[in-house]
Amino acid sequence: MEAQRGEVAPLITYFSGFLPDLGVRPEALATIEESHEAYLELLDANLFQHPYHLGGGRHWPILAR
């Protein structure tokens, strides 16, 4: 994991310079992270109810041809 972080560190530094222009401020990071976690929970619940939303199920062989 540390090796991967080292490999992407230059990209993180480069792209983090864009965040202030997009309205992302340090005081907003917690809110953004909470919103993203809530989104992932909703997506997880949706995929639990509809497991073939992204493919598979009885229609999958027809679509795969």
Protein backbone atom coordinates (compact mmCIF):
# COMPACT_ATOMS: atom_id res chain seq x y z
CA MET A 1 0.00 0.00 0.00
CA GLU A 2 2.80 2.42 0.81
CA ALA A 3 4.47 1.67 -2.53
CA GLN A 4 1.22 2.52 -4.33
CA ARG A 5 0.90 5.77 -2.39
CA GLY A 6 4.44 6.68 -3.34
CA GLU A 7 3.68 6.06 -7.00
CA VAL A 8 0.60 8.29 -7.04
CA ALA A 9 2.00 11.04 -4.79
CA PRO A 10 3.00 13.26 -7.76
CA LEU A 11 -0.52 12.96 -9.22
CA ILE A 12 -2.12 13.76 -5.89
CA THR A 13 0.05 16.84 -5.53
CA TYR A 14 -0.73 17.97 -9.07
CA PHE A 15 -4.50 17.49 -8.89
CA SER A 16 -4.88 18.81 -5.34
CA GLY A 17 -3.90 22.20 -6.75
CA PHE A 18 -7.20 22.25 -8.66
CA LEU A 19 -9.41 21.73 -5.62
CA PRO A 20 -9.58 25.36 -4.42
CA ASP A 21 -10.71 26.46 -7.89
CA LEU A 22 -13.53 23.88 -7.65
CA GLY A 23 -14.67 25.33 -4.34
CA VAL A 24 -13.15 22.62 -2.17
CA ARG A 25 -11.83 24.14 1.04
CA PRO A 26 -10.25 22.36 4.01
CA GLU A 27 -13.30 23.13 6.16
CA ALA A 28 -15.54 21.37 3.59
CA LEU A 29 -13.59 18.11 3.46
CA ALA A 30 -15.47 16.44 6.33
CA THR A 31 -18.83 17.26 4.70
CA ILE A 32 -17.67 15.98 1.31
CA GLU A 33 -16.41 12.76 2.88
CA GLU A 34 -19.66 12.23 4.82
CA SER A 35 -21.69 12.82 1.66
CA HIS A 36 -19.57 10.32 -0.27
CA GLU A 37 -19.94 7.70 2.47
CA ALA A 38 -23.73 8.23 2.49
CA TYR A 39 -23.77 7.79 -1.29
CA LEU A 40 -21.82 4.54 -1.03
CA GLU A 41 -24.27 3.24 1.59
CA LEU A 42 -27.21 4.04 -0.69
CA LEU A 43 -25.48 2.40 -3.66
CA ASP A 44 -24.71 -0.68 -1.57
CA ALA A 45 -28.36 -0.93 -0.45
CA ASN A 46 -29.55 -0.52 -4.04
CA LEU A 47 -27.23 -3.20 -5.37
CA PHE A 48 -28.34 -5.50 -2.54
CA GLN A 49 -31.95 -5.11 -3.69
CA HIS A 50 -31.10 -5.16 -7.42
CA PRO A 51 -27.95 -7.29 -7.74
CA TYR A 52 -28.04 -7.32 -11.53
CA HIS A 53 -28.14 -3.57 -11.96
CA LEU A 54 -24.70 -3.60 -13.57
CA GLY A 55 -25.10 -6.83 -15.52
CA GLY A 56 -25.80 -10.47 -14.97
CA GLY A 57 -29.10 -12.15 -14.26
CA ARG A 58 -31.37 -13.85 -16.77
CA HIS A 59 -30.78 -11.24 -19.51
CA TRP A 60 -27.01 -11.41 -19.34
CA PRO A 61 -26.52 -14.22 -21.91
CA ILE A 62 -28.68 -12.32 -24.41
CA LEU A 63 -26.68 -9.12 -23.95
CA ALA A 64 -23.37 -10.96 -24.11
CA ARG A 65 -23.98 -12.37 -27.59
